[in-house]
């Protein structure tokens, strides 16, 4: 098992270190100041210890004036070191926060560019773990370890140098003990790193599970799922415990091992040094200074081993963060732009020609699957002329929502093509393409802010008058005005203080304020009761007037007046036509219509 865990490729560690150092390099002057101040602090400590030699020798010879001078000089040296230590700790805090700010900013910016597939294959809690657990481990390492590692290195190198200067014979014994210490640290660190990687993954998995369960507490309680959830939580918690135990177990042995070796080293050196002093091979002051150096020699190594936990956890966290930042961004090769022309919009091609934005959407032999080899849509061909209302019906999993995902290029087709006003959607910049589309989803998502802010999400520069007009179109204005603060009422916890129907009305108002030429309604009225649906039907007709509309609906009332109804089964269009035409065919739609009031 240990052999398997230690087989991680070192080039991955090297890449993580290089990337982290590149972020630190953006603030090299602050970090250079830290390094200089750490060096002064470490050298002051070394020089202060060396001053024991002249002080002890002056004490032995009775030179009181020289003794006093030596004591004052030693005090000044240690004071300089203390001031330098205060300076580098404060500077390091500023530098660390700047580095973390850059990492969080770049991580968030990169996540915004990733395709939906990335988020569809990960739990929200695991993504959140990048910003919390993983970045926090990097923070701990920068604040606690960067300066300490530099200081420890200088002290180890300086101590060995001073030991050789004071007594090179005894230092050969010390060097052997140092070598044993470093070999054990390397052995232990190599094994604990693999466990730290497992620990970070297990922590992200646990966070993701907790986030899901907290968000779905109502469903959990309805189905009495508490015991099963607790069982799964214990499994994930146990996996984290085992990984954490392995990581901390190896790392925790470093300090006791180093301390034990240093005690043995000190005992041997003290015995040999005492013999050499009695034999006249060294003076008492040199031996006193030497023994203090030997006693201090273990301290920087101990400090380094104490930081190993921070460093290994930080590298594991940084590895996860940088792997996320290395994910391929959403591809956008589009060159066609959407531009305002007078009272309307046009598509501007790279050659300078312009095509009026009308809302003509066509599918030409489209085949698509979320996973290669498992097509969801099979050779789909359809068209929606400007101003037409196209409805999709069919059983769950037939591919209705997938069609709308292809229009706005959440995913790209494997074969065939989707055109918008005669232009392949792959040739249109995604930002411009999506700006021309309005969507109302079955699962509404509201953001923390006021009611007005949530409606304005469809058009960030919308005036209050435009917000209220959009709410009136969606028939949301009346219930909004009955709220305690009206349009200034705060929405929290994804709209938990509103009913499901009210949240759906706000989503419709959000689409209305965007005023798009193409509107996609994915179960837009599924959470609205029949009476409310009747009330907003006139408003929805006003919203859909002159627009190309794609409707995915279960309720027959929302598809009767469609220009064309597409019946999908297993990724293929099996029937198409108006409500009356499809009933006259007495096919799949006829069976659905007479079998149930709502299409499943």
Protein backbone atom coordinates (compact mmCIF):
# COMPACT_ATOMS: atom_id res chain seq x y z
CA UNK A 1 0.00 0.00 0.00
CA UNK A 2 2.76 2.40 0.95
CA UNK A 3 4.58 1.63 -2.28
CA UNK A 4 1.50 2.46 -4.30
CA UNK A 5 0.88 5.76 -2.48
CA UNK A 6 4.45 6.96 -2.89
CA UNK A 7 4.47 6.41 -6.63
CA UNK A 8 3.06 9.84 -7.50
CA UNK A 9 4.92 11.42 -10.40
CA UNK A 10 7.25 14.16 -9.17
CA UNK A 11 6.69 16.31 -12.26
CA UNK A 12 3.15 16.98 -10.98
CA UNK A 13 4.60 18.32 -7.74
CA UNK A 14 7.07 20.39 -9.73
CA UNK A 15 4.29 21.93 -11.80
CA UNK A 16 2.31 22.82 -8.67
CA UNK A 17 5.37 24.44 -7.10
CA UNK A 18 6.19 26.39 -10.27
CA UNK A 19 2.64 27.69 -10.56
CA UNK A 20 2.52 28.71 -6.89
CA UNK A 21 5.91 30.40 -7.18
CA UNK A 22 4.69 32.29 -10.26
CA UNK A 23 1.88 33.78 -8.15
CA UNK A 24 4.35 34.65 -5.42
CA UNK A 25 6.61 36.22 -8.04
CA UNK A 26 3.95 38.85 -8.77
CA UNK A 27 4.75 40.34 -5.36
CA UNK A 28 8.48 39.70 -5.41
CA UNK A 29 9.44 43.01 -3.79
CA UNK A 30 7.35 42.31 -0.69
CA UNK A 31 8.67 38.75 -0.53
CA UNK A 32 12.23 40.01 -1.09
CA UNK A 33 11.76 42.33 1.90
CA UNK A 34 10.56 39.33 3.91
CA UNK A 35 13.60 37.31 2.85
CA UNK A 36 16.01 40.13 3.81
CA UNK A 37 14.37 40.64 7.22
CA UNK A 38 14.30 36.87 7.86
CA UNK A 39 17.99 36.67 6.97
CA UNK A 40 18.82 39.50 9.39
CA UNK A 41 16.80 37.77 12.13
CA UNK A 42 18.48 34.40 11.53
CA UNK A 43 21.99 35.87 11.35
CA UNK A 44 21.37 37.87 14.54
CA UNK A 45 20.43 34.65 16.29
CA UNK A 46 23.60 32.94 15.03
CA UNK A 47 25.85 35.86 15.90
CA UNK A 48 24.24 36.21 19.33
CA UNK A 49 24.99 32.57 20.08
CA UNK A 50 28.59 32.97 18.87
CA UNK A 51 29.02 35.91 21.31
CA UNK A 52 28.91 33.37 24.15
CA UNK A 53 32.52 32.49 23.30
CA UNK A 54 34.13 35.92 23.98
CA UNK A 55 31.78 36.61 26.93
CA UNK A 56 32.70 33.32 28.65
CA UNK A 57 36.41 33.74 27.89
CA UNK A 58 36.34 37.34 29.26
CA UNK A 59 34.56 36.05 32.36
CA UNK A 60 37.31 33.45 32.83
CA UNK A 61 40.15 35.99 32.39
CA UNK A 62 38.49 38.62 34.62
CA UNK A 63 38.20 41.40 32.00
CA UNK A 64 35.07 43.12 33.37
CA UNK A 65 35.10 46.00 30.88
CA UNK A 66 35.35 43.61 27.95
CA UNK A 67 32.69 41.43 29.57
CA UNK A 68 30.25 44.35 29.87
CA UNK A 69 30.96 45.43 26.31
CA UNK A 70 30.29 41.88 25.09
CA UNK A 71 27.00 41.64 27.00
CA UNK A 72 25.74 44.98 25.62
CA UNK A 73 26.77 44.01 22.08
CA UNK A 74 24.98 40.65 22.44
CA UNK A 75 21.84 42.42 23.66
CA UNK A 76 21.91 44.80 20.67
CA UNK A 77 22.35 41.87 18.29
CA UNK A 78 19.31 40.05 19.73
CA UNK A 79 17.27 43.30 19.70
CA UNK A 80 18.06 43.76 16.00
CA UNK A 81 16.92 40.19 15.37
CA UNK A 82 13.67 40.74 17.28
CA UNK A 83 12.84 43.93 15.32
CA UNK A 84 13.61 42.14 12.04
CA UNK A 85 11.30 39.28 13.08
CA UNK A 86 8.49 41.75 13.82
CA UNK A 87 9.05 43.38 10.43
CA UNK A 88 9.00 40.18 8.38
CA UNK A 89 5.88 38.79 10.09
CA UNK A 90 3.86 41.91 9.26
CA UNK A 91 5.22 42.11 5.72
CA UNK A 92 4.52 38.42 5.15
CA UNK A 93 0.87 38.89 6.16
CA UNK A 94 0.43 41.56 3.47
CA UNK A 95 2.25 39.53 0.83
CA UNK A 96 0.29 36.35 1.61
CA UNK A 97 -3.07 38.11 1.35
CA UNK A 98 -2.10 39.61 -2.01
CA UNK A 99 -1.10 36.18 -3.36
CA UNK A 100 -4.34 34.61 -2.09
CA UNK A 101 -6.34 37.46 -3.61
CA UNK A 102 -4.76 36.76 -7.01
CA UNK A 103 -5.41 33.01 -6.77
CA UNK A 104 -9.06 33.45 -5.77
CA UNK A 105 -9.60 36.08 -8.48
CA UNK A 106 -8.05 33.94 -11.23
CA UNK A 107 -9.83 30.80 -10.03
CA UNK A 108 -13.25 32.50 -10.03
CA UNK A 109 -12.60 34.14 -13.40
CA UNK A 110 -11.55 30.80 -14.89
CA UNK A 111 -14.57 28.97 -13.49
CA UNK A 112 -16.79 31.54 -15.22
CA UNK A 113 -15.26 30.48 -18.55
CA UNK A 114 -15.70 26.74 -18.08
CA UNK A 115 -18.45 24.88 -19.96
CA UNK A 116 -21.55 23.62 -18.16
CA UNK A 117 -20.19 20.08 -18.50
CA UNK A 118 -17.61 20.90 -15.79
CA UNK A 119 -20.32 21.87 -13.29
CA UNK A 120 -22.68 19.08 -14.38
CA UNK A 121 -20.04 16.50 -13.40
CA UNK A 122 -19.17 18.04 -10.01
CA UNK A 123 -21.13 18.81 -6.88
CA UNK A 124 -21.44 22.45 -5.87
CA UNK A 125 -19.84 21.71 -2.50
CA UNK A 126 -16.75 20.29 -4.20
CA UNK A 127 -16.39 23.44 -6.30
CA UNK A 128 -16.87 25.57 -3.17
CA UNK A 129 -14.10 23.55 -1.51
CA UNK A 130 -11.61 25.08 -3.95
CA UNK A 131 -12.27 28.53 -2.46
CA UNK A 132 -12.47 27.42 1.17
CA UNK A 133 -10.48 24.36 2.21
CA UNK A 134 -7.93 24.35 -0.60
CA UNK A 135 -7.18 28.08 -0.62
CA UNK A 136 -7.11 28.07 3.19
CA UNK A 137 -4.34 25.47 3.18
CA UNK A 138 -2.30 27.69 0.86
CA UNK A 139 -2.99 30.60 3.22
CA UNK A 140 -1.73 28.62 6.21
CA UNK A 141 1.48 27.70 4.39
CA UNK A 142 2.21 31.24 3.20
CA UNK A 143 1.53 32.81 6.60
CA UNK A 144 3.29 30.17 8.67
CA UNK A 145 5.85 28.45 6.50
CA UNK A 146 7.42 30.75 3.89
CA UNK A 147 9.45 32.86 6.30
CA UNK A 148 10.05 29.93 8.65
CA UNK A 149 11.54 27.77 5.90
CA UNK A 150 13.96 30.55 4.88
CA UNK A 151 14.92 31.15 8.49
CA UNK A 152 15.37 27.43 9.18
CA UNK A 153 17.57 26.99 6.10
CA UNK A 154 19.80 29.92 7.06
CA UNK A 155 20.07 28.73 10.64
CA UNK A 156 20.91 25.16 9.63
CA UNK A 157 23.55 26.32 7.13
CA UNK A 158 24.89 29.00 9.50
CA UNK A 159 24.98 26.65 12.47
CA UNK A 160 26.93 24.02 10.53
CA UNK A 161 29.36 26.72 9.38
CA UNK A 162 29.88 28.00 12.93
CA UNK A 163 30.29 24.45 14.21
CA UNK A 164 33.04 23.80 11.68
CA UNK A 165 34.73 27.08 12.63
CA UNK A 166 34.58 26.35 16.36
CA UNK A 167 35.55 22.64 16.23
CA UNK A 168 35.68 20.74 12.98
CA UNK A 169 36.38 17.36 14.65
CA UNK A 170 33.20 17.38 16.73
CA UNK A 171 31.24 18.67 13.75
CA UNK A 172 31.85 15.43 11.87
CA UNK A 173 29.73 13.69 14.52
CA UNK A 174 27.03 16.40 14.22
CA UNK A 175 27.01 16.08 10.42
CA UNK A 176 26.29 12.34 10.63
CA UNK A 177 23.31 13.03 12.95
CA UNK A 178 22.08 15.78 10.60
CA UNK A 179 22.19 13.31 7.71
CA UNK A 180 20.10 10.78 9.65
CA UNK A 181 17.53 13.50 10.46
CA UNK A 182 17.16 14.60 6.83
CA UNK A 183 16.87 11.03 5.55
CA UNK A 184 13.99 10.36 7.96
CA UNK A 185 12.25 13.64 7.08
CA UNK A 186 12.47 12.75 3.40
CA UNK A 187 11.15 9.23 4.03
CA UNK A 188 8.21 10.45 6.13
CA UNK A 189 7.36 13.45 3.93
CA UNK A 190 7.26 11.36 0.77
CA UNK A 191 4.62 9.06 2.23
CA UNK A 192 2.54 11.67 3.99
CA UNK A 193 2.18 13.77 0.79
CA UNK A 194 0.12 11.06 -0.90
CA UNK A 195 -2.16 10.93 2.13
CA UNK A 196 -2.52 14.72 2.09
CA UNK A 197 -3.73 14.51 -1.52
CA UNK A 198 -6.30 11.89 -0.47
CA UNK A 199 -7.29 14.05 2.49
CA UNK A 200 -8.06 17.08 0.29
CA UNK A 201 -10.14 14.98 -2.10
CA UNK A 202 -12.03 13.36 0.79
CA UNK A 203 -12.63 16.78 2.33
CA UNK A 204 -14.06 18.14 -0.93
CA UNK A 205 -16.29 15.07 -1.24
CA UNK A 206 -17.57 15.49 2.32
CA UNK A 207 -18.21 19.21 1.81
CA UNK A 208 -20.14 18.48 -1.38
CA UNK A 209 -22.32 15.92 0.40
CA UNK A 210 -23.03 18.25 3.33
CA UNK A 211 -23.97 21.08 0.93
CA UNK A 212 -26.40 18.80 -0.91
CA UNK A 213 -28.04 17.55 2.27
CA UNK A 214 -28.39 21.01 3.80
CA UNK A 215 -29.95 22.36 0.59
CA UNK A 216 -32.33 19.40 0.38
CA UNK A 217 -33.39 19.13 4.03
CA UNK A 218 -37.09 19.41 3.17
CA UNK A 219 -36.88 16.43 0.81
CA UNK A 220 -34.81 14.49 3.36
CA UNK A 221 -37.44 14.95 6.06
CA UNK A 222 -40.37 14.22 3.76
CA UNK A 223 -38.93 10.80 2.88
CA UNK A 224 -37.52 10.05 6.37
CA UNK A 225 -34.04 9.74 4.90
CA UNK A 226 -32.14 10.96 7.97
CA UNK A 227 -30.70 7.56 8.95
CA UNK A 228 -29.50 6.76 5.43
CA UNK A 229 -27.95 10.22 5.12
CA UNK A 230 -26.19 9.76 8.45
CA UNK A 231 -24.86 6.38 7.28
CA UNK A 232 -23.43 7.89 4.08
CA UNK A 233 -22.05 10.84 6.03
CA UNK A 234 -20.25 8.43 8.36
CA UNK A 235 -18.75 6.62 5.36
CA UNK A 236 -17.40 9.83 3.89
CA UNK A 237 -16.30 11.09 7.29
CA UNK A 238 -14.49 7.79 7.89
CA UNK A 239 -12.69 8.11 4.54
CA UNK A 240 -11.56 11.59 5.60
CA UNK A 241 -10.50 10.29 9.01
CA UNK A 242 -8.36 7.54 7.47
CA UNK A 243 -6.71 9.92 5.00
CA UNK A 244 -6.15 12.52 7.75
CA UNK A 245 -4.73 9.89 10.10
CA UNK A 246 -2.32 8.69 7.45
CA UNK A 247 -1.21 12.22 6.59
CA UNK A 248 -0.82 13.38 10.20
CA UNK A 249 0.52 10.01 11.39
CA UNK A 250 3.63 10.12 9.22
CA UNK A 251 4.15 13.85 9.73
CA UNK A 252 3.68 13.59 13.51
CA UNK A 253 6.64 11.20 13.82
CA UNK A 254 9.07 13.76 12.39
CA UNK A 255 9.42 16.01 15.44
CA UNK A 256 9.88 13.20 18.03
CA UNK A 257 12.42 11.52 15.73
CA UNK A 258 14.38 14.76 15.24
CA UNK A 259 14.28 15.55 18.98
CA UNK A 260 15.47 12.06 19.92
CA UNK A 261 18.35 12.16 17.45
CA UNK A 262 19.31 15.65 18.65
CA UNK A 263 19.43 14.48 22.30
CA UNK A 264 21.70 11.57 21.36
CA UNK A 265 23.82 13.94 19.30
CA UNK A 266 24.11 16.44 22.17
CA UNK A 267 25.09 13.73 24.68
CA UNK A 268 27.85 12.39 22.42
CA UNK A 269 29.20 15.86 21.59
CA UNK A 270 29.12 17.01 25.24
CA UNK A 271 31.10 13.95 26.34
CA UNK A 272 33.65 14.26 23.56
CA UNK A 273 33.90 18.06 24.01
CA UNK A 274 34.48 17.74 27.73
CA UNK A 275 37.30 15.30 27.11
CA UNK A 276 38.87 17.64 24.52
CA UNK A 277 38.66 20.62 26.93
CA UNK A 278 40.37 18.65 29.69
CA UNK A 279 43.03 17.56 27.19
CA UNK A 280 43.63 21.20 26.20
CA UNK A 281 42.41 20.61 22.64
CA UNK A 282 39.84 23.50 22.91
CA UNK A 283 39.11 26.46 25.21
CA UNK A 284 36.11 26.63 27.55
CA UNK A 285 34.47 29.57 25.74
CA UNK A 286 34.57 27.78 22.40
CA UNK A 287 33.12 24.62 23.96
CA UNK A 288 30.32 26.59 25.67
CA UNK A 289 29.42 28.35 22.43
CA UNK A 290 29.72 25.08 20.52
CA UNK A 291 27.36 23.20 22.85
CA UNK A 292 24.75 25.96 22.57
CA UNK A 293 25.01 25.77 18.78
CA UNK A 294 24.60 21.99 18.93
CA UNK A 295 21.57 22.40 21.20
CA UNK A 296 20.12 24.97 18.81
CA UNK A 297 20.93 22.90 15.74
CA UNK A 298 17.82 20.77 16.23
CA UNK A 299 15.56 23.82 16.60
CA UNK A 300 15.52 24.94 12.94
CA UNK A 301 15.09 21.32 11.86
CA UNK A 302 12.18 20.97 14.29
CA UNK A 303 10.70 24.18 12.93
CA UNK A 304 11.03 22.88 9.40
CA UNK A 305 9.37 19.56 10.25
CA UNK A 306 6.55 21.43 12.02
CA UNK A 307 5.93 23.32 8.79
CA UNK A 308 5.90 20.11 6.77
CA UNK A 309 2.21 19.56 7.61
CA UNK A 310 1.35 23.04 6.32
CA UNK A 311 3.52 22.61 3.23
CA UNK A 312 2.17 19.19 2.28
CA UNK A 313 -1.46 20.22 2.83
CA UNK A 314 -0.83 23.44 0.89
CA UNK A 315 0.67 21.54 -2.04
CA UNK A 316 -2.29 19.16 -2.09
CA UNK A 317 -4.73 22.08 -1.94
CA UNK A 318 -2.80 24.06 -4.56
CA UNK A 319 -2.73 20.99 -6.79
CA UNK A 320 -6.55 20.79 -6.77
CA UNK A 321 -6.92 24.52 -7.36
CA UNK A 322 -4.45 24.61 -10.25
CA UNK A 323 -5.98 21.47 -11.79
CA UNK A 324 -9.32 23.30 -11.84
CA UNK A 325 -7.64 26.34 -13.39
CA UNK A 326 -6.09 24.07 -16.04
CA UNK A 327 -9.50 22.83 -17.21
CA UNK A 328 -10.12 23.76 -20.84
CA UNK A 329 -12.30 26.91 -21.04
CA UNK A 330 -15.48 26.98 -23.05
CA UNK A 331 -14.48 27.14 -26.72
CA UNK A 332 -15.66 30.25 -28.51
CA UNK A 333 -14.47 30.62 -32.09
CA UNK A 334 -17.34 32.85 -33.08
CA UNK A 335 -16.60 36.03 -35.05
CA UNK A 336 -20.14 37.28 -35.69
CA UNK A 337 -21.17 40.07 -33.32
CA UNK A 338 -24.50 41.47 -32.24
CA UNK A 339 -24.74 45.25 -32.71
CA UNK A 340 -27.41 47.88 -32.20
CA UNK A 341 -28.75 49.56 -35.34
CA UNK A 342 -31.35 52.27 -34.82
CA UNK A 343 -34.29 50.65 -33.06
CA UNK A 344 -33.17 47.07 -33.78
CA UNK A 345 -30.25 44.68 -33.80
CA UNK A 346 -28.07 43.20 -36.54
CA UNK A 347 -25.53 40.40 -36.83
CA UNK A 348 -22.23 41.89 -38.02
CA UNK A 349 -20.01 39.40 -39.86
CA UNK A 350 -16.19 39.60 -40.02
CA UNK A 351 -16.37 40.78 -43.65
CA UNK A 352 -18.44 43.78 -42.55
CA UNK A 353 -21.76 42.55 -43.95
CA UNK A 354 -24.82 42.74 -41.73
CA UNK A 355 -27.80 40.44 -41.23
CA UNK A 356 -30.89 41.75 -39.41
CA UNK A 357 -31.69 39.89 -36.20
CA UNK A 358 -35.07 38.30 -36.83
CA UNK A 359 -35.11 35.10 -34.75
CA UNK A 360 -35.08 32.47 -37.50
CA UNK A 361 -33.77 29.26 -35.84
CA UNK A 362 -33.21 26.00 -37.71
CA UNK A 363 -31.85 22.53 -36.89
CA UNK A 364 -30.34 20.67 -39.83
CA UNK A 365 -29.69 16.95 -39.24
CA UNK A 366 -28.51 17.50 -35.67
CA UNK A 367 -27.15 14.55 -33.69
CA UNK A 368 -25.94 15.10 -30.13
CA UNK A 369 -25.09 13.16 -26.97
CA UNK A 370 -23.68 14.30 -23.64
CA UNK A 371 -21.42 11.23 -23.70
CA UNK A 372 -19.73 9.95 -26.84
CA UNK A 373 -21.50 6.92 -28.22
CA UNK A 374 -24.79 7.66 -26.43
CA UNK A 375 -26.76 10.09 -28.63
CA UNK A 376 -29.68 11.93 -27.04
CA UNK A 377 -30.84 13.60 -30.27
CA UNK A 378 -30.75 11.67 -33.54
CA UNK A 379 -30.85 13.47 -36.88
CA UNK A 380 -33.15 16.27 -35.71
CA UNK A 381 -34.35 18.73 -38.35
CA UNK A 382 -36.79 21.56 -37.60
CA UNK A 383 -37.28 25.26 -38.20
CA UNK A 384 -38.83 28.18 -36.36
CA UNK A 385 -39.60 31.23 -38.43
CA UNK A 386 -39.52 34.68 -36.83
CA UNK A 387 -42.49 35.16 -34.52
CA UNK A 388 -43.46 31.49 -34.44
CA UNK A 389 -44.16 29.51 -31.29
CA UNK A 390 -42.71 26.01 -31.35
CA UNK A 391 -43.65 23.54 -28.61
CA UNK A 392 -41.88 20.34 -27.63
CA UNK A 393 -43.71 17.53 -25.91
CA UNK A 394 -42.72 13.99 -25.07
CA UNK A 395 -41.76 11.73 -22.22
CA UNK A 396 -38.99 12.53 -19.76
CA UNK A 397 -35.57 12.01 -21.34
CA UNK A 398 -36.86 12.38 -24.91
CA UNK A 399 -34.46 15.29 -25.54
CA UNK A 400 -36.70 18.35 -25.17
CA UNK A 401 -34.41 20.39 -22.90
CA UNK A 402 -31.35 19.22 -24.83
CA UNK A 403 -32.66 21.00 -27.94
CA UNK A 404 -32.80 24.32 -26.08
CA UNK A 405 -29.31 23.73 -24.67
CA UNK A 406 -27.98 23.52 -28.21
CA UNK A 407 -29.62 26.77 -29.32
CA UNK A 408 -27.66 28.83 -26.79
CA UNK A 409 -24.55 26.64 -27.16
CA UNK A 410 -24.38 25.31 -23.64
CA UNK A 411 -23.20 22.29 -25.64
CA UNK A 412 -22.06 21.92 -29.27
CA UNK A 413 -23.55 19.41 -31.70
CA UNK A 414 -21.55 16.38 -32.82
CA UNK A 415 -22.98 16.44 -36.35
CA UNK A 416 -25.36 18.62 -38.31
CA UNK A 417 -25.74 22.28 -37.47
CA UNK A 418 -27.94 24.86 -35.76
CA UNK A 419 -28.46 28.17 -37.58
CA UNK A 420 -29.72 31.50 -36.31
CA UNK A 421 -30.88 33.91 -39.02
CA UNK A 422 -28.98 31.74 -41.50
CA UNK A 423 -25.72 31.88 -39.48
CA UNK A 424 -24.25 28.77 -37.86
CA UNK A 425 -24.41 29.39 -34.10
CA UNK A 426 -20.77 28.22 -33.86
CA UNK A 427 -19.83 31.33 -35.85
CA UNK A 428 -21.56 33.69 -33.40
CA UNK A 429 -19.76 34.92 -30.29
CA UNK A 430 -21.35 33.14 -27.33
CA UNK A 431 -21.86 36.35 -25.36
CA UNK A 432 -23.71 37.93 -28.28
CA UNK A 433 -25.67 34.76 -29.01
CA UNK A 434 -26.90 34.47 -25.43
CA UNK A 435 -27.66 38.18 -25.24
CA UNK A 436 -30.22 37.65 -27.99
CA UNK A 437 -31.92 34.80 -26.10
CA UNK A 438 -34.19 34.87 -23.07
CA UNK A 439 -34.71 31.76 -20.93
CA UNK A 440 -37.20 30.88 -18.23
CA UNK A 441 -36.22 27.59 -16.59
CA UNK A 442 -38.29 25.17 -14.58
CA UNK A 443 -35.78 25.38 -11.71
CA UNK A 444 -35.69 29.07 -10.91
CA UNK A 445 -32.61 30.53 -9.27
CA UNK A 446 -32.82 33.81 -7.41
CA UNK A 447 -29.85 35.73 -6.05
CA UNK A 448 -29.39 37.48 -2.73
CA UNK A 449 -30.64 41.04 -3.28
CA UNK A 450 -33.89 42.90 -3.76
CA UNK A 451 -36.82 41.84 -5.92
CA UNK A 452 -35.88 44.62 -8.35
CA UNK A 453 -32.25 43.42 -8.49
CA UNK A 454 -33.38 39.90 -9.39
CA UNK A 455 -35.61 41.14 -12.22
CA UNK A 456 -32.84 43.48 -13.36
CA UNK A 457 -30.52 40.47 -13.70
CA UNK A 458 -31.99 40.09 -17.19
CA UNK A 459 -30.81 43.59 -18.08
CA UNK A 460 -28.37 45.12 -15.60
CA UNK A 461 -28.91 48.71 -16.76
CA UNK A 462 -32.72 48.47 -16.71
CA UNK A 463 -34.50 51.45 -15.17
CA UNK A 464 -37.03 51.03 -12.38
CA UNK A 465 -39.76 51.80 -14.89
CA UNK A 466 -38.55 48.95 -17.13
CA UNK A 467 -38.40 46.60 -14.13
CA UNK A 468 -41.98 47.41 -13.15
CA UNK A 469 -43.19 47.04 -16.74
CA UNK A 470 -41.56 43.60 -16.98
CA UNK A 471 -43.21 42.60 -13.69
CA UNK A 472 -46.58 43.74 -15.03
CA UNK A 473 -46.12 41.65 -18.20
CA UNK A 474 -45.41 38.58 -16.03
CA UNK A 475 -48.31 39.52 -13.74
CA UNK A 476 -45.88 39.71 -10.82
CA UNK A 477 -46.45 43.39 -10.06
CA UNK A 478 -49.50 42.85 -7.83
CA UNK A 479 -47.89 40.35 -5.45
CA UNK A 480 -44.63 42.36 -5.37
CA UNK A 481 -46.47 45.49 -4.23
CA UNK A 482 -48.11 43.50 -1.43
CA UNK A 483 -44.69 42.55 -0.02
CA UNK A 484 -43.45 44.55 3.03
CA UNK A 485 -40.92 46.60 1.05
CA UNK A 486 -42.37 46.06 -2.43
CA UNK A 487 -39.67 45.99 -5.08
CA UNK A 488 -37.06 46.63 -2.35
CA UNK A 489 -37.95 43.43 -0.48
CA UNK A 490 -34.81 41.35 0.07
CA UNK A 491 -34.62 37.86 -1.43
CA UNK A 492 -32.58 35.38 0.58
CA UNK A 493 -31.70 31.67 0.41
CA UNK A 494 -32.64 31.37 -3.27
CA UNK A 495 -36.05 32.93 -2.65
CA UNK A 496 -37.05 30.80 0.35
CA UNK A 497 -39.23 33.68 1.58
CA UNK A 498 -41.32 33.45 -1.62
CA UNK A 499 -43.64 30.74 -2.91
CA UNK A 500 -42.53 28.56 -5.82
CA UNK A 501 -45.09 30.28 -8.06
CA UNK A 502 -43.85 33.74 -7.07
CA UNK A 503 -40.27 32.72 -7.84
CA UNK A 504 -41.40 31.50 -11.26
CA UNK A 505 -43.15 34.81 -11.96
CA UNK A 506 -39.94 36.69 -11.12
CA UNK A 507 -38.05 34.47 -13.55
CA UNK A 508 -40.57 35.33 -16.27
CA UNK A 509 -40.23 39.04 -15.43
CA UNK A 510 -36.44 38.67 -15.66
CA UNK A 511 -36.81 37.34 -19.21
CA UNK A 512 -39.29 40.10 -20.06
CA UNK A 513 -36.93 42.90 -19.04
CA UNK A 514 -34.21 41.44 -21.30
CA UNK A 515 -36.58 41.93 -24.29
CA UNK A 516 -34.95 39.16 -26.41
CA UNK A 517 -36.04 38.27 -29.98
CA UNK A 518 -35.93 34.54 -29.11
CA UNK A 519 -37.54 33.20 -25.94
CA UNK A 520 -37.06 29.73 -24.46
CA UNK A 521 -39.62 28.59 -21.88
CA UNK A 522 -38.58 25.34 -20.20
CA UNK A 523 -41.56 24.34 -18.05
CA UNK A 524 -41.95 28.07 -17.33
CA UNK A 525 -45.41 27.75 -15.83
CA UNK A 526 -45.01 24.34 -14.21
CA UNK A 527 -45.00 25.81 -10.70
CA UNK A 528 -47.91 28.20 -11.27
CA UNK A 529 -51.46 27.16 -10.46
CA UNK A 530 -54.10 27.08 -13.18
CA UNK A 531 -55.74 30.32 -12.02
CA UNK A 532 -52.44 32.22 -11.99
CA UNK A 533 -51.55 30.72 -15.35
CA UNK A 534 -54.78 32.05 -16.82
CA UNK A 535 -54.05 35.49 -15.39
CA UNK A 536 -50.58 35.67 -16.97
CA UNK A 537 -51.60 34.14 -20.29
CA UNK A 538 -52.42 37.56 -21.75
CA UNK A 539 -49.13 38.95 -20.41
CA UNK A 540 -47.20 36.01 -21.80
CA UNK A 541 -48.87 36.53 -25.18
CA UNK A 542 -47.73 40.14 -25.04
CA UNK A 543 -44.22 38.98 -24.11
CA UNK A 544 -44.15 36.44 -26.95
CA UNK A 545 -45.61 38.78 -29.58
CA UNK A 546 -43.22 39.15 -32.51
CA UNK A 547 -40.70 36.76 -30.94
CA UNK A 548 -39.60 33.28 -31.84
CA UNK A 549 -40.60 31.12 -28.86
CA UNK A 550 -39.57 27.59 -27.94
CA UNK A 551 -41.81 26.03 -25.31
CA UNK A 552 -41.22 22.86 -23.34
CA UNK A 553 -44.41 22.13 -21.45
CA UNK A 554 -46.42 19.39 -19.83
CA UNK A 555 -49.70 21.27 -19.69
CA UNK A 556 -51.68 21.07 -22.90
CA UNK A 557 -53.02 24.59 -22.33
CA UNK A 558 -49.56 26.00 -22.99
CA UNK A 559 -49.08 24.18 -26.33
CA UNK A 560 -52.53 24.38 -27.96
CA UNK A 561 -51.86 27.74 -29.61
CA UNK A 562 -48.34 26.85 -30.82
CA UNK A 563 -47.65 27.23 -34.53
CA UNK A 564 -46.05 23.79 -34.49
CA UNK A 565 -45.85 21.03 -31.89
CA UNK A 566 -42.92 18.60 -32.03
CA UNK A 567 -43.49 15.21 -30.39
CA UNK A 568 -40.18 13.67 -29.34
CA UNK A 569 -39.49 10.09 -28.37
CA UNK A 570 -36.02 8.63 -27.75
CA UNK A 571 -34.29 11.61 -29.34
CA UNK A 572 -36.30 11.67 -32.56
CA UNK A 573 -39.22 13.77 -33.80
CA UNK A 574 -41.98 11.24 -34.33
CA UNK A 575 -44.76 13.76 -35.09
CA UNK A 576 -45.03 17.44 -35.93
CA UNK A 577 -47.86 19.83 -36.69
CA UNK A 578 -50.46 22.05 -35.07
CA UNK A 579 -52.68 20.91 -32.20
CA UNK A 580 -55.58 20.16 -34.55
CA UNK A 581 -53.36 18.44 -37.13
CA UNK A 582 -51.81 16.12 -34.57
CA UNK A 583 -55.17 15.20 -33.08
CA UNK A 584 -56.48 14.35 -36.55
CA UNK A 585 -53.50 12.03 -37.14
CA UNK A 586 -54.54 10.00 -34.06
CA UNK A 587 -50.92 9.13 -33.34
CA UNK A 588 -48.62 9.63 -30.36
CA UNK A 589 -49.92 13.12 -29.54
CA UNK A 590 -53.52 11.91 -29.77
CA UNK A 591 -52.74 9.13 -27.28
CA UNK A 592 -51.09 11.61 -24.93
CA UNK A 593 -53.98 14.04 -25.23
CA UNK A 594 -56.64 11.46 -24.46
CA UNK A 595 -54.52 9.54 -21.98
CA UNK A 596 -53.80 12.38 -19.56
CA UNK A 597 -54.29 16.11 -19.22
CA UNK A 598 -50.59 16.72 -18.64
CA UNK A 599 -47.86 15.30 -20.85
CA UNK A 600 -45.30 13.35 -18.89
